[in-house]
Amino acid sequence: MLYAVLCYNDEAVTSAWSKEEDDAVMAKLAVVNGRMAAKGKLGPVARLLPTTAATTLRKTADEPIVIDGPFAETKEQFLGFYVVDCRDLDEALGFARELSIANPGVGSYEIRPISAYFPAQLKT
């Protein structure tokens, strides 16, 4: 089963890391990613730019409204995601636990089964 592991953290904290701190966190996460990739279970991974770079198209009864930033103001922001192929929820939770150990501070990982997946080649 494919699972999306959605990564949330306080963007004010993560964006305040020095380059060295950020590089250290990314190196620890790369070890966790490498273990899943070696098993052939790691799909796309994305680290998002800050919410200040976001634009939201808000659907309304009339014309959609385009606003700067994320739709909701929250303590934690959606910072990235993983797609993993796990036999069950327990395996997906194990992967999320490893991520949480590698990533300092607080935050959360939402694990959600994927009902439809359409991988496509990006043309860059």
PDB file of N, CA and C in Angstrom:
ATOM      1  N   MET A   1       0.849  -1.177   0.000  1.00  0.00           N
ATOM      2  CA  MET A   1       0.000   0.000   0.000  1.00  0.00           C
ATOM      3  C   MET A   1       0.888   1.231   0.000  1.00  0.00           C
ATOM      4  N   LEU A   2       0.513   2.216  -0.771  1.00  0.00           N
ATOM      5  CA  LEU A   2       1.237   3.489  -0.781  1.00  0.00           C
ATOM      6  C   LEU A   2       0.683   4.399   0.313  1.00  0.00           C
ATOM      7  N   TYR A   3       1.598   5.061   0.996  1.00  0.00           N
ATOM      8  CA  TYR A   3       1.245   6.029   2.032  1.00  0.00           C
ATOM      9  C   TYR A   3       1.932   7.348   1.735  1.00  0.00           C
ATOM     10  N   ALA A   4       1.227   8.434   2.019  1.00  0.00           N
ATOM     11  CA  ALA A   4       1.836   9.759   2.019  1.00  0.00           C
ATOM     12  C   ALA A   4       2.209  10.055   3.462  1.00  0.00           C
ATOM     13  N   VAL A   5       3.435  10.474   3.678  1.00  0.00           N
ATOM     14  CA  VAL A   5       3.881  10.905   5.000  1.00  0.00           C
ATOM     15  C   VAL A   5       4.073  12.415   4.891  1.00  0.00           C
ATOM     16  N   LEU A   6       3.153  13.151   5.483  1.00  0.00           N
ATOM     17  CA  LEU A   6       3.138  14.605   5.379  1.00  0.00           C
ATOM     18  C   LEU A   6       3.870  15.196   6.576  1.00  0.00           C
ATOM     19  N   CYS A   7       4.797  16.082   6.319  1.00  0.00           N
ATOM     20  CA  CYS A   7       5.686  16.620   7.353  1.00  0.00           C
ATOM     21  C   CYS A   7       5.244  18.022   7.761  1.00  0.00           C
ATOM     22  N   TYR A   8       5.013  18.196   9.058  1.00  0.00           N
ATOM     23  CA  TYR A   8       4.612  19.486   9.606  1.00  0.00           C
ATOM     24  C   TYR A   8       5.601  19.898  10.689  1.00  0.00           C
ATOM     25  N   ASN A   9       5.922  21.180  10.723  1.00  0.00           N
ATOM     26  CA  ASN A   9       6.779  21.709  11.768  1.00  0.00           C
ATOM     27  C   ASN A   9       6.542  23.206  11.843  1.00  0.00           C
ATOM     28  N   ASP A  10       7.090  23.827  12.859  1.00  0.00           N
ATOM     29  CA  ASP A  10       6.997  25.277  13.010  1.00  0.00           C
ATOM     30  C   ASP A  10       8.018  25.900  12.069  1.00  0.00           C
ATOM     31  N   GLU A  11       7.524  26.516  11.028  1.00  0.00           N
ATOM     32  CA  GLU A  11       8.391  27.093  10.004  1.00  0.00           C
ATOM     33  C   GLU A  11       9.327  28.164  10.569  1.00  0.00           C
ATOM     34  N   ALA A  12       8.886  28.874  11.598  1.00  0.00           N
ATOM     35  CA  ALA A  12       9.743  29.892  12.208  1.00  0.00           C
ATOM     36  C   ALA A  12      10.976  29.241  12.823  1.00  0.00           C
ATOM     37  N   VAL A  13      10.817  28.036  13.346  1.00  0.00           N
ATOM     38  CA  VAL A  13      11.946  27.320  13.948  1.00  0.00           C
ATOM     39  C   VAL A  13      12.864  26.775  12.859  1.00  0.00           C
ATOM     40  N   THR A  14      12.304  26.069  11.885  1.00  0.00           N
ATOM     41  CA  THR A  14      13.137  25.426  10.863  1.00  0.00           C
ATOM     42  C   THR A  14      13.836  26.449   9.968  1.00  0.00           C
ATOM     43  N   SER A  15      13.190  27.573   9.709  1.00  0.00           N
ATOM     44  CA  SER A  15      13.831  28.582   8.856  1.00  0.00           C
ATOM     45  C   SER A  15      14.903  29.371   9.617  1.00  0.00           C
ATOM     46  N   ALA A  16      14.920  29.242  10.944  1.00  0.00           N
ATOM     47  CA  ALA A  16      15.937  29.927  11.740  1.00  0.00           C
ATOM     48  C   ALA A  16      17.218  29.094  11.874  1.00  0.00           C
ATOM     49  N   TRP A  17      17.185  27.835  11.413  1.00  0.00           N
ATOM     50  CA  TRP A  17      18.399  27.017  11.479  1.00  0.00           C
ATOM     51  C   TRP A  17      19.493  27.646  10.629  1.00  0.00           C
ATOM     52  N   SER A  18      20.707  27.539  11.108  1.00  0.00           N
ATOM     53  CA  SER A  18      21.846  27.960  10.300  1.00  0.00           C
ATOM     54  C   SER A  18      22.012  26.973   9.150  1.00  0.00           C
ATOM     55  N   LYS A  19      22.803  27.318   8.165  1.00  0.00           N
ATOM     56  CA  LYS A  19      23.063  26.396   7.059  1.00  0.00           C
ATOM     57  C   LYS A  19      23.656  25.092   7.583  1.00  0.00           C
ATOM     58  N   GLU A  20      24.536  25.194   8.560  1.00  0.00           N
ATOM     59  CA  GLU A  20      25.167  24.002   9.131  1.00  0.00           C
ATOM     60  C   GLU A  20      24.136  23.125   9.836  1.00  0.00           C
ATOM     61  N   GLU A  21      23.235  23.756  10.611  1.00  0.00           N
ATOM     62  CA  GLU A  21      22.183  22.990  11.297  1.00  0.00           C
ATOM     63  C   GLU A  21      21.256  22.326  10.286  1.00  0.00           C
ATOM     64  N   ASP A  22      20.864  23.076   9.265  1.00  0.00           N
ATOM     65  CA  ASP A  22      19.980  22.534   8.230  1.00  0.00           C
ATOM     66  C   ASP A  22      20.659  21.378   7.493  1.00  0.00           C
ATOM     67  N   ASP A  23      21.924  21.559   7.130  1.00  0.00           N
ATOM     68  CA  ASP A  23      22.666  20.495   6.445  1.00  0.00           C
ATOM     69  C   ASP A  23      22.751  19.245   7.312  1.00  0.00           C
ATOM     70  N   ALA A  24      22.940  19.408   8.625  1.00  0.00           N
ATOM     71  CA  ALA A  24      23.025  18.262   9.539  1.00  0.00           C
ATOM     72  C   ALA A  24      21.696  17.511   9.596  1.00  0.00           C
ATOM     73  N   VAL A  25      20.589  18.257   9.663  1.00  0.00           N
ATOM     74  CA  VAL A  25      19.265  17.612   9.676  1.00  0.00           C
ATOM     75  C   VAL A  25      19.041  16.875   8.357  1.00  0.00           C
ATOM     76  N   MET A  26      19.358  17.513   7.249  1.00  0.00           N
ATOM     77  CA  MET A  26      19.148  16.871   5.947  1.00  0.00           C
ATOM     78  C   MET A  26      20.022  15.619   5.804  1.00  0.00           C
ATOM     79  N   ALA A  27      21.221  15.638   6.373  1.00  0.00           N
ATOM     80  CA  ALA A  27      22.089  14.452   6.320  1.00  0.00           C
ATOM     81  C   ALA A  27      21.489  13.304   7.126  1.00  0.00           C
ATOM     82  N   LYS A  28      20.930  13.613   8.299  1.00  0.00           N
ATOM     83  CA  LYS A  28      20.284  12.575   9.111  1.00  0.00           C
ATOM     84  C   LYS A  28      19.062  12.014   8.389  1.00  0.00           C
ATOM     85  N   LEU A  29      18.280  12.885   7.775  1.00  0.00           N
ATOM     86  CA  LEU A  29      17.101  12.432   7.033  1.00  0.00           C
ATOM     87  C   LEU A  29      17.516  11.600   5.818  1.00  0.00           C
ATOM     88  N   ALA A  30      18.633  11.948   5.201  1.00  0.00           N
ATOM     89  CA  ALA A  30      19.116  11.187   4.041  1.00  0.00           C
ATOM     90  C   ALA A  30      19.444   9.747   4.422  1.00  0.00           C
ATOM     91  N   VAL A  31      19.911   9.528   5.639  1.00  0.00           N
ATOM     92  CA  VAL A  31      20.188   8.165   6.104  1.00  0.00           C
ATOM     93  C   VAL A  31      18.883   7.368   6.179  1.00  0.00           C
ATOM     94  N   VAL A  32      17.856   7.975   6.747  1.00  0.00           N
ATOM     95  CA  VAL A  32      16.548   7.314   6.844  1.00  0.00           C
ATOM     96  C   VAL A  32      15.997   7.059   5.438  1.00  0.00           C
ATOM     97  N   ASN A  33      16.078   8.069   4.583  1.00  0.00           N
ATOM     98  CA  ASN A  33      15.606   7.922   3.200  1.00  0.00           C
ATOM     99  C   ASN A  33      16.358   6.800   2.497  1.00  0.00           C
ATOM    100  N   GLY A  34      17.668   6.743   2.707  1.00  0.00           N
ATOM    101  CA  GLY A  34      18.501   5.737   2.060  1.00  0.00           C
ATOM    102  C   GLY A  34      18.090   4.317   2.424  1.00  0.00           C
ATOM    103  N   ARG A  35      17.708   4.112   3.688  1.00  0.00           N
ATOM    104  CA  ARG A  35      17.259   2.773   4.099  1.00  0.00           C
ATOM    105  C   ARG A  35      15.983   2.372   3.361  1.00  0.00           C
ATOM    106  N   MET A  36      15.041   3.300   3.228  1.00  0.00           N
ATOM    107  CA  MET A  36      13.797   2.986   2.514  1.00  0.00           C
ATOM    108  C   MET A  36      14.066   2.816   1.016  1.00  0.00           C
ATOM    109  N   ALA A  37      14.927   3.641   0.460  1.00  0.00           N
ATOM    110  CA  ALA A  37      15.256   3.538  -0.969  1.00  0.00           C
ATOM    111  C   ALA A  37      15.930   2.204  -1.260  1.00  0.00           C
ATOM    112  N   ALA A  38      16.805   1.746  -0.360  1.00  0.00           N
ATOM    113  CA  ALA A  38      17.507   0.476  -0.560  1.00  0.00           C
ATOM    114  C   ALA A  38      16.531  -0.699  -0.582  1.00  0.00           C
ATOM    115  N   LYS A  39      15.398  -0.561   0.094  1.00  0.00           N
ATOM    116  CA  LYS A  39      14.362  -1.602   0.100  1.00  0.00           C
ATOM    117  C   LYS A  39      13.413  -1.448  -1.097  1.00  0.00           C
ATOM    118  N   GLY A  40      13.609  -0.388  -1.900  1.00  0.00           N
ATOM    119  CA  GLY A  40      12.717  -0.129  -3.031  1.00  0.00           C
ATOM    120  C   GLY A  40      11.359   0.389  -2.603  1.00  0.00           C
ATOM    121  N   LYS A  41      11.281   1.039  -1.435  1.00  0.00           N
ATOM    122  CA  LYS A  41       9.998   1.482  -0.883  1.00  0.00           C
ATOM    123  C   LYS A  41       9.821   3.001  -0.854  1.00  0.00           C
ATOM    124  N   LEU A  42      10.822   3.737  -1.340  1.00  0.00           N
ATOM    125  CA  LEU A  42      10.753   5.192  -1.281  1.00  0.00           C
ATOM    126  C   LEU A  42      10.361   5.749  -2.635  1.00  0.00           C
ATOM    127  N   GLY A  43       9.277   6.501  -2.647  1.00  0.00           N
ATOM    128  CA  GLY A  43       8.832   7.167  -3.867  1.00  0.00           C
ATOM    129  C   GLY A  43       9.272   8.622  -3.830  1.00  0.00           C
ATOM    130  N   PRO A  44       8.489   9.508  -4.432  1.00  0.00           N
ATOM    131  CA  PRO A  44       8.835  10.919  -4.455  1.00  0.00           C
ATOM    132  C   PRO A  44       8.946  11.513  -3.046  1.00  0.00           C
ATOM    133  N   VAL A  45       9.897  12.415  -2.891  1.00  0.00           N
ATOM    134  CA  VAL A  45      10.108  13.151  -1.653  1.00  0.00           C
ATOM    135  C   VAL A  45      10.215  14.621  -2.056  1.00  0.00           C
ATOM    136  N   ALA A  46       9.551  15.493  -1.319  1.00  0.00           N
ATOM    137  CA  ALA A  46       9.625  16.918  -1.644  1.00  0.00           C
ATOM    138  C   ALA A  46       9.761  17.736  -0.375  1.00  0.00           C
ATOM    139  N   ARG A  47      10.686  18.677  -0.407  1.00  0.00           N
ATOM    140  CA  ARG A  47      10.796  19.681   0.642  1.00  0.00           C
ATOM    141  C   ARG A  47      10.281  20.974   0.022  1.00  0.00           C
ATOM    142  N   LEU A  48       9.284  21.547   0.651  1.00  0.00           N
ATOM    143  CA  LEU A  48       8.642  22.735   0.094  1.00  0.00           C
ATOM    144  C   LEU A  48       9.372  24.009   0.511  1.00  0.00           C
ATOM    145  N   LEU A  49       9.276  25.016  -0.332  1.00  0.00           N
ATOM    146  CA  LEU A  49       9.774  26.346   0.028  1.00  0.00           C
ATOM    147  C   LEU A  49       8.874  26.913   1.128  1.00  0.00           C
ATOM    148  N   PRO A  50       9.291  27.979   1.793  1.00  0.00           N
ATOM    149  CA  PRO A  50       8.492  28.549   2.891  1.00  0.00           C
ATOM    150  C   PRO A  50       7.088  28.963   2.442  1.00  0.00           C
ATOM    151  N   THR A  51       6.193  29.046   3.405  1.00  0.00           N
ATOM    152  CA  THR A  51       4.809  29.427   3.104  1.00  0.00           C
ATOM    153  C   THR A  51       4.730  30.824   2.499  1.00  0.00           C
ATOM    154  N   THR A  52       5.745  31.650   2.709  1.00  0.00           N
ATOM    155  CA  THR A  52       5.747  32.981   2.087  1.00  0.00           C
ATOM    156  C   THR A  52       5.815  32.877   0.566  1.00  0.00           C
ATOM    157  N   ALA A  53       6.232  31.719   0.053  1.00  0.00           N
ATOM    158  CA  ALA A  53       6.284  31.503  -1.396  1.00  0.00           C
ATOM    159  C   ALA A  53       4.994  30.879  -1.925  1.00  0.00           C
ATOM    160  N   ALA A  54       4.058  30.563  -1.028  1.00  0.00           N
ATOM    161  CA  ALA A  54       2.825  29.865  -1.424  1.00  0.00           C
ATOM    162  C   ALA A  54       1.783  30.817  -1.980  1.00  0.00           C
ATOM    163  N   THR A  55       0.954  30.277  -2.836  1.00  0.00           N
ATOM    164  CA  THR A  55      -0.232  30.948  -3.344  1.00  0.00           C
ATOM    165  C   THR A  55      -1.371  29.956  -3.224  1.00  0.00           C
ATOM    166  N   THR A  56      -2.531  30.411  -2.785  1.00  0.00           N
ATOM    167  CA  THR A  56      -3.689  29.538  -2.616  1.00  0.00           C
ATOM    168  C   THR A  56      -4.809  29.991  -3.533  1.00  0.00           C
ATOM    169  N   LEU A  57      -5.393  29.050  -4.247  1.00  0.00           N
ATOM    170  CA  LEU A  57      -6.597  29.305  -5.020  1.00  0.00           C
ATOM    171  C   LEU A  57      -7.746  28.773  -4.171  1.00  0.00           C
ATOM    172  N   ARG A  58      -8.554  29.678  -3.658  1.00  0.00           N
ATOM    173  CA  ARG A  58      -9.665  29.340  -2.759  1.00  0.00           C
ATOM    174  C   ARG A  58     -10.926  29.226  -3.585  1.00  0.00           C
ATOM    175  N   LYS A  59     -11.485  28.031  -3.623  1.00  0.00           N
ATOM    176  CA  LYS A  59     -12.708  27.792  -4.382  1.00  0.00           C
ATOM    177  C   LYS A  59     -13.895  28.394  -3.641  1.00  0.00           C
ATOM    178  N   THR A  60     -14.710  29.125  -4.388  1.00  0.00           N
ATOM    179  CA  THR A  60     -15.917  29.731  -3.822  1.00  0.00           C
ATOM    180  C   THR A  60     -17.090  29.385  -4.734  1.00  0.00           C
ATOM    181  N   ALA A  61     -18.275  29.846  -4.377  1.00  0.00           N
ATOM    182  CA  ALA A  61     -19.446  29.614  -5.218  1.00  0.00           C
ATOM    183  C   ALA A  61     -19.338  30.380  -6.536  1.00  0.00           C
ATOM    184  N   ASP A  62     -18.610  31.480  -6.507  1.00  0.00           N
ATOM    185  CA  ASP A  62     -18.405  32.284  -7.714  1.00  0.00           C
ATOM    186  C   ASP A  62     -17.042  31.943  -8.301  1.00  0.00           C
ATOM    187  N   GLU A  63     -16.340  32.944  -8.728  1.00  0.00           N
ATOM    188  CA  GLU A  63     -14.999  32.757  -9.263  1.00  0.00           C
ATOM    189  C   GLU A  63     -14.037  32.414  -8.127  1.00  0.00           C
ATOM    190  N   PRO A  64     -13.075  31.542  -8.371  1.00  0.00           N
ATOM    191  CA  PRO A  64     -12.078  31.269  -7.332  1.00  0.00           C
ATOM    192  C   PRO A  64     -11.303  32.531  -6.977  1.00  0.00           C
ATOM    193  N   ILE A  65     -10.864  32.594  -5.730  1.00  0.00           N
ATOM    194  CA  ILE A  65     -10.089  33.719  -5.231  1.00  0.00           C
ATOM    195  C   ILE A  65      -8.645  33.252  -5.062  1.00  0.00           C
ATOM    196  N   VAL A  66      -7.708  34.043  -5.542  1.00  0.00           N
ATOM    197  CA  VAL A  66      -6.288  33.733  -5.399  1.00  0.00           C
ATOM    198  C   VAL A  66      -5.717  34.627  -4.300  1.00  0.00           C
ATOM    199  N   ILE A  67      -5.087  33.984  -3.305  1.00  0.00           N
ATOM    200  CA  ILE A  67      -4.498  34.737  -2.198  1.00  0.00           C
ATOM    201  C   ILE A  67      -3.041  34.310  -2.010  1.00  0.00           C
ATOM    202  N   ASP A  68      -2.249  35.210  -1.475  1.00  0.00           N
ATOM    203  CA  ASP A  68      -0.863  34.886  -1.153  1.00  0.00           C
ATOM    204  C   ASP A  68      -0.828  34.037   0.106  1.00  0.00           C
ATOM    205  N   GLY A  69       0.092  33.111   0.147  1.00  0.00           N
ATOM    206  CA  GLY A  69       0.323  32.306   1.336  1.00  0.00           C
ATOM    207  C   GLY A  69      -0.591  31.106   1.425  1.00  0.00           C
ATOM    208  N   PRO A  70      -0.405  30.338   2.500  1.00  0.00           N
ATOM    209  CA  PRO A  70      -1.245  29.157   2.705  1.00  0.00           C
ATOM    210  C   PRO A  70      -2.650  29.579   3.106  1.00  0.00           C
ATOM    211  N   PHE A  71      -3.592  28.656   2.987  1.00  0.00           N
ATOM    212  CA  PHE A  71      -4.982  28.980   3.290  1.00  0.00           C
ATOM    213  C   PHE A  71      -5.196  29.245   4.773  1.00  0.00           C
ATOM    214  N   ALA A  72      -4.605  28.414   5.634  1.00  0.00           N
ATOM    215  CA  ALA A  72      -4.861  28.527   7.067  1.00  0.00           C
ATOM    216  C   ALA A  72      -3.600  28.956   7.816  1.00  0.00           C
ATOM    217  N   GLU A  73      -3.786  29.791   8.805  1.00  0.00           N
ATOM    218  CA  GLU A  73      -2.687  30.149   9.700  1.00  0.00           C
ATOM    219  C   GLU A  73      -2.699  29.134  10.838  1.00  0.00           C
ATOM    220  N   THR A  74      -1.601  28.440  11.021  1.00  0.00           N
ATOM    221  CA  THR A  74      -1.505  27.419  12.057  1.00  0.00           C
ATOM    222  C   THR A  74      -0.151  27.510  12.746  1.00  0.00           C
ATOM    223  N   LYS A  75      -0.011  26.803  13.872  1.00  0.00           N
ATOM    224  CA  LYS A  75       1.279  26.759  14.566  1.00  0.00           C
ATOM    225  C   LYS A  75       2.295  25.975  13.754  1.00  0.00           C
ATOM    226  N   GLU A  76       1.841  24.914  13.087  1.00  0.00           N
ATOM    227  CA  GLU A  76       2.735  24.097  12.282  1.00  0.00           C
ATOM    228  C   GLU A  76       2.358  24.263  10.815  1.00  0.00           C
ATOM    229  N   GLN A  77       3.372  24.271   9.964  1.00  0.00           N
ATOM    230  CA  GLN A  77       3.143  24.417   8.540  1.00  0.00           C
ATOM    231  C   GLN A  77       3.519  23.122   7.829  1.00  0.00           C
ATOM    232  N   PHE A  78       2.888  22.890   6.689  1.00  0.00           N
ATOM    233  CA  PHE A  78       3.179  21.743   5.847  1.00  0.00           C
ATOM    234  C   PHE A  78       4.485  22.039   5.129  1.00  0.00           C
ATOM    235  N   LEU A  79       5.532  21.268   5.436  1.00  0.00           N
ATOM    236  CA  LEU A  79       6.857  21.564   4.920  1.00  0.00           C
ATOM    237  C   LEU A  79       7.332  20.605   3.837  1.00  0.00           C
ATOM    238  N   GLY A  80       6.685  19.462   3.710  1.00  0.00           N
ATOM    239  CA  GLY A  80       7.120  18.512   2.700  1.00  0.00           C
ATOM    240  C   GLY A  80       6.399  17.189   2.850  1.00  0.00           C
ATOM    241  N   PHE A  81       6.767  16.234   1.972  1.00  0.00           N
ATOM    242  CA  PHE A  81       6.105  14.934   2.023  1.00  0.00           C
ATOM    243  C   PHE A  81       6.992  13.847   1.449  1.00  0.00           C
ATOM    244  N   TYR A  82       6.638  12.632   1.788  1.00  0.00           N
ATOM    245  CA  TYR A  82       7.244  11.422   1.257  1.00  0.00           C
ATOM    246  C   TYR A  82       6.119  10.555   0.722  1.00  0.00           C
ATOM    247  N   VAL A  83       6.397   9.780  -0.301  1.00  0.00           N
ATOM    248  CA  VAL A  83       5.507   8.705  -0.725  1.00  0.00           C
ATOM    249  C   VAL A  83       6.284   7.418  -0.484  1.00  0.00           C
ATOM    250  N   VAL A  84       5.707   6.524   0.313  1.00  0.00           N
ATOM    251  CA  VAL A  84       6.378   5.278   0.652  1.00  0.00           C
ATOM    252  C   VAL A  84       5.454   4.095   0.373  1.00  0.00           C
ATOM    253  N   ASP A  85       6.053   2.992  -0.025  1.00  0.00           N
ATOM    254  CA  ASP A  85       5.319   1.764  -0.302  1.00  0.00           C
ATOM    255  C   ASP A  85       5.537   0.828   0.874  1.00  0.00           C
ATOM    256  N   CYS A  86       4.550   0.704   1.738  1.00  0.00           N
ATOM    257  CA  CYS A  86       4.676  -0.086   2.961  1.00  0.00           C
ATOM    258  C   CYS A  86       3.628  -1.198   2.981  1.00  0.00           C
ATOM    259  N   ARG A  87       3.970  -2.295   3.624  1.00  0.00           N
ATOM    260  CA  ARG A  87       3.043  -3.428   3.675  1.00  0.00           C
ATOM    261  C   ARG A  87       1.794  -3.092   4.478  1.00  0.00           C
ATOM    262  N   ASP A  88       1.947  -2.179   5.484  1.00  0.00           N
ATOM    263  CA  ASP A  88       0.811  -1.814   6.322  1.00  0.00           C
ATOM    264  C   ASP A  88       1.116  -0.512   7.059  1.00  0.00           C
ATOM    265  N   LEU A  89       0.140  -0.077   7.833  1.00  0.00           N
ATOM    266  CA  LEU A  89       0.285   1.175   8.583  1.00  0.00           C
ATOM    267  C   LEU A  89       1.438   1.096   9.578  1.00  0.00           C
ATOM    268  N   ASP A  90       1.647  -0.050  10.186  1.00  0.00           N
ATOM    269  CA  ASP A  90       2.742  -0.173  11.154  1.00  0.00           C
ATOM    270  C   ASP A  90       4.094   0.122  10.523  1.00  0.00           C
ATOM    271  N   GLU A  91       4.317  -0.370   9.308  1.00  0.00           N
ATOM    272  CA  GLU A  91       5.585  -0.092   8.635  1.00  0.00           C
ATOM    273  C   GLU A  91       5.708   1.401   8.310  1.00  0.00           C
ATOM    274  N   ALA A  92       4.609   2.011   7.858  1.00  0.00           N
ATOM    275  CA  ALA A  92       4.622   3.451   7.560  1.00  0.00           C
ATOM    276  C   ALA A  92       4.888   4.260   8.830  1.00  0.00           C
ATOM    277  N   LEU A  93       4.291   3.840   9.959  1.00  0.00           N
ATOM    278  CA  LEU A  93       4.548   4.517  11.228  1.00  0.00           C
ATOM    279  C   LEU A  93       6.002   4.348  11.653  1.00  0.00           C
ATOM    280  N   GLY A  94       6.577   3.194  11.407  1.00  0.00           N
ATOM    281  CA  GLY A  94       7.985   2.981  11.717  1.00  0.00           C
ATOM    282  C   GLY A  94       8.868   3.941  10.951  1.00  0.00           C
ATOM    283  N   PHE A  95       8.570   4.146   9.663  1.00  0.00           N
ATOM    284  CA  PHE A  95       9.324   5.103   8.855  1.00  0.00           C
ATOM    285  C   PHE A  95       9.172   6.511   9.427  1.00  0.00           C
ATOM    286  N   ALA A  96       7.943   6.899   9.775  1.00  0.00           N
ATOM    287  CA  ALA A  96       7.710   8.231  10.344  1.00  0.00           C
ATOM    288  C   ALA A  96       8.446   8.391  11.675  1.00  0.00           C
ATOM    289  N   ARG A  97       8.504   7.325  12.475  1.00  0.00           N
ATOM    290  CA  ARG A  97       9.250   7.391  13.741  1.00  0.00           C
ATOM    291  C   ARG A  97      10.734   7.645  13.480  1.00  0.00           C
ATOM    292  N   GLU A  98      11.286   6.972  12.480  1.00  0.00           N
ATOM    293  CA  GLU A  98      12.692   7.196  12.138  1.00  0.00           C
ATOM    294  C   GLU A  98      12.920   8.641  11.699  1.00  0.00           C
ATOM    295  N   LEU A  99      11.989   9.181  10.900  1.00  0.00           N
ATOM    296  CA  LEU A  99      12.103  10.581  10.493  1.00  0.00           C
ATOM    297  C   LEU A  99      12.087  11.495  11.705  1.00  0.00           C
ATOM    298  N   SER A 100      11.194  11.209  12.662  1.00  0.00           N
ATOM    299  CA  SER A 100      11.074  12.073  13.840  1.00  0.00           C
ATOM    300  C   SER A 100      12.327  12.032  14.700  1.00  0.00           C
ATOM    301  N   ILE A 101      13.013  10.905  14.719  1.00  0.00           N
ATOM    302  CA  ILE A 101      14.271  10.816  15.468  1.00  0.00           C
ATOM    303  C   ILE A 101      15.356  11.635  14.774  1.00  0.00           C
ATOM    304  N   ALA A 102      15.378  11.586  13.448  1.00  0.00           N
ATOM    305  CA  ALA A 102      16.393  12.308  12.678  1.00  0.00           C
ATOM    306  C   ALA A 102      16.167  13.814  12.671  1.00  0.00           C
ATOM    307  N   ASN A 103      14.932  14.239  12.873  1.00  0.00           N
ATOM    308  CA  ASN A 103      14.561  15.641  12.772  1.00  0.00           C
ATOM    309  C   ASN A 103      14.395  16.226  14.180  1.00  0.00           C
ATOM    310  N   PRO A 104      15.218  17.205  14.564  1.00  0.00           N
ATOM    311  CA  PRO A 104      15.144  17.737  15.931  1.00  0.00           C
ATOM    312  C   PRO A 104      13.894  18.587  16.152  1.00  0.00           C
ATOM    313  N   GLY A 105      13.602  18.813  17.397  1.00  0.00           N
ATOM    314  CA  GLY A 105      12.503  19.703  17.747  1.00  0.00           C
ATOM    315  C   GLY A 105      11.159  19.009  17.712  1.00  0.00           C
ATOM    316  N   VAL A 106      10.139  19.823  17.658  1.00  0.00           N
ATOM    317  CA  VAL A 106       8.772  19.305  17.647  1.00  0.00           C
ATOM    318  C   VAL A 106       8.261  19.256  16.224  1.00  0.00           C
ATOM    319  N   GLY A 107       7.045  18.881  16.051  1.00  0.00           N
ATOM    320  CA  GLY A 107       6.439  18.773  14.731  1.00  0.00           C
ATOM    321  C   GLY A 107       5.619  17.512  14.672  1.00  0.00           C
ATOM    322  N   SER A 108       5.129  17.187  13.509  1.00  0.00           N
ATOM    323  CA  SER A 108       4.317  15.987  13.384  1.00  0.00           C
ATOM    324  C   SER A 108       4.419  15.430  11.979  1.00  0.00           C
ATOM    325  N   TYR A 109       4.103  14.164  11.885  1.00  0.00           N
ATOM    326  CA  TYR A 109       4.058  13.458  10.612  1.00  0.00           C
ATOM    327  C   TYR A 109       2.678  12.838  10.488  1.00  0.00           C
ATOM    328  N   GLU A 110       1.953  13.253   9.480  1.00  0.00           N
ATOM    329  CA  GLU A 110       0.634  12.683   9.208  1.00  0.00           C
ATOM    330  C   GLU A 110       0.816  11.565   8.184  1.00  0.00           C
ATOM    331  N   ILE A 111       0.329  10.382   8.514  1.00  0.00           N
ATOM    332  CA  ILE A 111       0.436   9.232   7.624  1.00  0.00           C
ATOM    333  C   ILE A 111      -0.948   8.972   7.052  1.00  0.00           C
ATOM    334  N   ARG A 112      -1.036   9.013   5.726  1.00  0.00           N
ATOM    335  CA  ARG A 112      -2.339   8.853   5.089  1.00  0.00           C
ATOM    336  C   ARG A 112      -2.225   7.914   3.894  1.00  0.00           C
ATOM    337  N   PRO A 113      -3.067   6.865   3.849  1.00  0.00           N
ATOM    338  CA  PRO A 113      -3.048   5.976   2.681  1.00  0.00           C
ATOM    339  C   PRO A 113      -3.387   6.758   1.410  1.00  0.00           C
ATOM    340  N   ILE A 114      -2.790   6.355   0.312  1.00  0.00           N
ATOM    341  CA  ILE A 114      -3.035   6.992  -0.986  1.00  0.00           C
ATOM    342  C   ILE A 114      -4.040   6.135  -1.753  1.00  0.00           C
ATOM    343  N   SER A 115      -5.105   6.748  -2.228  1.00  0.00           N
ATOM    344  CA  SER A 115      -6.124   5.986  -2.964  1.00  0.00           C
ATOM    345  C   SER A 115      -5.872   5.985  -4.463  1.00  0.00           C
ATOM    346  N   ALA A 116      -5.179   6.985  -4.972  1.00  0.00           N
ATOM    347  CA  ALA A 116      -4.857   7.038  -6.400  1.00  0.00           C
ATOM    348  C   ALA A 116      -3.478   7.678  -6.540  1.00  0.00           C
ATOM    349  N   TYR A 117      -2.678   7.103  -7.415  1.00  0.00           N
ATOM    350  CA  TYR A 117      -1.308   7.588  -7.592  1.00  0.00           C
ATOM    351  C   TYR A 117      -1.005   7.585  -9.076  1.00  0.00           C
ATOM    352  N   PHE A 118      -0.623   8.722  -9.618  1.00  0.00           N
ATOM    353  CA  PHE A 118      -0.357   8.861 -11.040  1.00  0.00           C
ATOM    354  C   PHE A 118       1.046   9.426 -11.257  1.00  0.00           C
ATOM    355  N   PRO A 119       2.050   8.580 -11.139  1.00  0.00           N
ATOM    356  CA  PRO A 119       3.412   9.101 -11.363  1.00  0.00           C
ATOM    357  C   PRO A 119       3.570   9.517 -12.814  1.00  0.00           C
ATOM    358  N   ALA A 120       4.217  10.611 -12.996  1.00  0.00           N
ATOM    359  CA  ALA A 120       4.436  11.122 -14.351  1.00  0.00           C
ATOM    360  C   ALA A 120       5.848  11.682 -14.435  1.00  0.00           C
ATOM    361  N   GLN A 121       6.423  11.590 -15.613  1.00  0.00           N
ATOM    362  CA  GLN A 121       7.722  12.186 -15.834  1.00  0.00           C
ATOM    363  C   GLN A 121       7.575  13.687 -15.971  1.00  0.00           C
ATOM    364  N   LEU A 122       8.365  14.399 -15.206  1.00  0.00           N
ATOM    365  CA  LEU A 122       8.369  15.852 -15.335  1.00  0.00           C
ATOM    366  C   LEU A 122       9.289  16.230 -16.488  1.00  0.00           C
ATOM    367  N   LYS A 123       8.879  17.168 -17.253  1.00  0.00           N
ATOM    368  CA  LYS A 123       9.713  17.711 -18.327  1.00  0.00           C
ATOM    369  C   LYS A 123      10.357  18.966 -17.798  1.00  0.00           C
ATOM    370  N   THR A 124      11.664  18.947 -17.649  1.00  0.00           N
ATOM    371  CA  THR A 124      12.324  20.143 -17.100  1.00  0.00           C
ATOM    372  C   THR A 124      13.181  20.794 -18.158  1.00  0.00           C
TER     373      THR A 124
END
